[in-house]
Amino acid sequence: MPSKNDRPDKSPLKLNSLIEEALKSGADSIELEYVPEGLEVTYMFGNMGIGEIIDDRSVIREIVRELIREAKLEHQTRGTLQWTSGGKSYKIRVEEYESFGESTFRLVLSKSKQRRARR
């Protein structure tokens, strides 16, 4: 996984880029957890994870605000995001829970099921 400083296009890190990176790499989920160094982003592949640290506090605030707003987590701990990437639709289940007194987020990625037309 590229770090925020190694992004080839030097675009700012956003929720969109984290989700796209996870989908591109085939991750099952993304975990976002506050650590002393910043925000730890872990891309999970089954029981294995590969992570990076985002240390820019303004970027962290923007990512978390966007996640809370888009998944409608203002007054609940679970929500969903509908996402389209590469012509495929995904339903992303978002969970917020507490870990060591801090909010932690888990985004579970799954392809949306296509409904069959009834005949």
Protein backbone atom coordinates (compact mmCIF):
# COMPACT_ATOMS: atom_id res chain seq x y z
CA MET A 1 0.00 0.00 0.00
CA PRO A 2 1.38 3.41 -0.82
CA SER A 3 1.80 5.81 2.05
CA LYS A 4 0.30 9.28 1.87
CA ASN A 5 3.71 10.61 0.85
CA ASP A 6 4.20 8.03 -1.94
CA ARG A 7 0.97 8.68 -3.87
CA PRO A 8 2.00 8.87 -7.53
CA ASP A 9 -0.50 11.65 -8.35
CA LYS A 10 0.20 13.56 -5.08
CA SER A 11 -3.57 13.98 -4.66
CA PRO A 12 -4.79 14.66 -1.14
CA LEU A 13 -5.78 11.61 0.85
CA LYS A 14 -9.56 11.36 1.19
CA LEU A 15 -12.10 8.71 2.12
CA ASN A 16 -12.60 8.13 -1.61
CA SER A 17 -8.93 7.26 -2.15
CA LEU A 18 -8.90 4.86 0.83
CA ILE A 19 -11.94 2.97 -0.47
CA GLU A 20 -10.64 2.87 -4.04
CA GLU A 21 -7.26 1.56 -2.84
CA ALA A 22 -9.00 -1.19 -0.84
CA LEU A 23 -11.16 -2.23 -3.79
CA LYS A 24 -8.22 -2.16 -6.20
CA SER A 25 -6.11 -4.33 -3.91
CA GLY A 26 -8.92 -6.82 -3.17
CA ALA A 27 -9.27 -6.03 0.55
CA ASP A 28 -12.25 -7.40 2.49
CA SER A 29 -12.44 -4.43 4.84
CA ILE A 30 -10.76 -1.26 6.06
CA GLU A 31 -10.16 -0.44 9.71
CA LEU A 32 -9.55 3.14 10.84
CA GLU A 33 -8.16 3.56 14.35
CA TYR A 34 -6.62 6.47 16.19
CA VAL A 35 -3.07 5.83 17.39
CA PRO A 36 -0.58 8.27 18.96
CA GLU A 37 1.05 8.87 15.56
CA GLY A 38 -2.26 9.74 13.81
CA LEU A 39 -4.88 7.58 12.10
CA GLU A 40 -3.96 3.99 11.36
CA VAL A 41 -5.57 2.70 8.17
CA THR A 42 -5.47 -1.09 7.88
CA TYR A 43 -6.58 -2.90 4.73
CA MET A 44 -7.75 -6.36 5.80
CA PHE A 45 -7.39 -9.48 3.64
CA GLY A 46 -9.02 -12.25 5.67
CA ASN A 47 -6.97 -12.45 8.88
CA MET A 48 -4.06 -10.41 7.49
CA GLY A 49 -3.80 -6.63 7.37
CA ILE A 50 -1.54 -4.12 5.69
CA GLY A 51 -1.56 -0.62 7.08
CA GLU A 52 -0.39 2.92 6.87
CA ILE A 53 -0.46 5.91 9.21
CA ILE A 54 -1.97 9.24 8.25
CA ASP A 55 -0.31 11.88 10.41
CA ASP A 56 -1.88 15.07 9.00
CA ARG A 57 -4.56 16.04 11.56
CA SER A 58 -6.59 18.13 9.07
CA VAL A 59 -6.72 15.19 6.63
CA ILE A 60 -7.78 12.87 9.46
CA ARG A 61 -10.60 15.22 10.49
CA GLU A 62 -11.84 15.47 6.90
CA ILE A 63 -11.81 11.68 6.38
CA VAL A 64 -13.70 11.02 9.63
CA ARG A 65 -16.23 13.82 8.99
CA GLU A 66 -16.88 12.55 5.49
CA LEU A 67 -17.30 8.97 6.72
CA ILE A 68 -19.73 9.99 9.48
CA ARG A 69 -21.73 12.17 7.07
CA GLU A 70 -21.88 9.69 4.17
CA ALA A 71 -22.68 6.63 6.34
CA LYS A 72 -25.13 8.68 8.45
CA LEU A 73 -23.37 7.85 11.73
CA GLU A 74 -24.27 11.09 13.50
CA HIS A 75 -26.73 9.34 15.88
CA GLN A 76 -26.04 5.64 15.31
CA THR A 77 -23.09 3.26 15.23
CA ARG A 78 -23.87 1.44 11.97
CA GLY A 79 -24.56 2.64 8.48
CA THR A 80 -23.98 1.84 4.83
CA LEU A 81 -22.40 3.46 1.80
CA GLN A 82 -23.39 2.65 -1.77
CA TRP A 83 -20.26 2.76 -3.93
CA THR A 84 -19.58 2.30 -7.64
CA SER A 85 -16.10 1.55 -8.91
CA GLY A 86 -14.99 0.12 -12.22
CA GLY A 87 -18.60 -0.42 -13.30
CA LYS A 88 -19.34 -2.57 -10.24
CA SER A 89 -21.61 -1.64 -7.36
CA TYR A 90 -20.59 -2.19 -3.76
CA LYS A 91 -22.44 -1.99 -0.49
CA ILE A 92 -20.06 -0.91 2.24
CA ARG A 93 -21.19 -1.64 5.78
CA VAL A 94 -19.74 0.88 8.22
CA GLU A 95 -19.48 0.21 11.96
CA GLU A 96 -18.26 2.60 14.63
CA TYR A 97 -17.11 1.17 17.94
CA GLU A 98 -14.95 2.22 20.85
CA SER A 99 -11.38 1.05 21.31
CA PHE A 100 -9.35 2.38 24.26
CA GLY A 101 -11.72 5.35 24.59
CA GLU A 102 -11.50 6.40 20.93
CA SER A 103 -13.89 5.91 18.03
CA THR A 104 -12.73 3.23 15.63
CA PHE A 105 -14.33 2.48 12.27
CA ARG A 106 -14.65 -0.72 10.25
CA LEU A 107 -15.75 -0.59 6.62
CA VAL A 108 -16.76 -4.02 5.29
CA LEU A 109 -16.66 -4.18 1.51
CA SER A 110 -19.00 -6.40 -0.48
CA LYS A 111 -20.37 -6.39 -4.00
CA SER A 112 -24.03 -5.53 -4.21
CA LYS A 113 -26.13 -8.49 -5.19
CA GLN A 114 -27.83 -8.20 -8.56
CA ARG A 115 -31.50 -8.99 -8.37
CA ARG A 116 -32.86 -11.32 -10.99
CA ALA A 117 -35.81 -10.17 -12.99
CA ARG A 118 -38.88 -12.27 -12.32
CA ARG A 119 -40.62 -13.79 -15.28
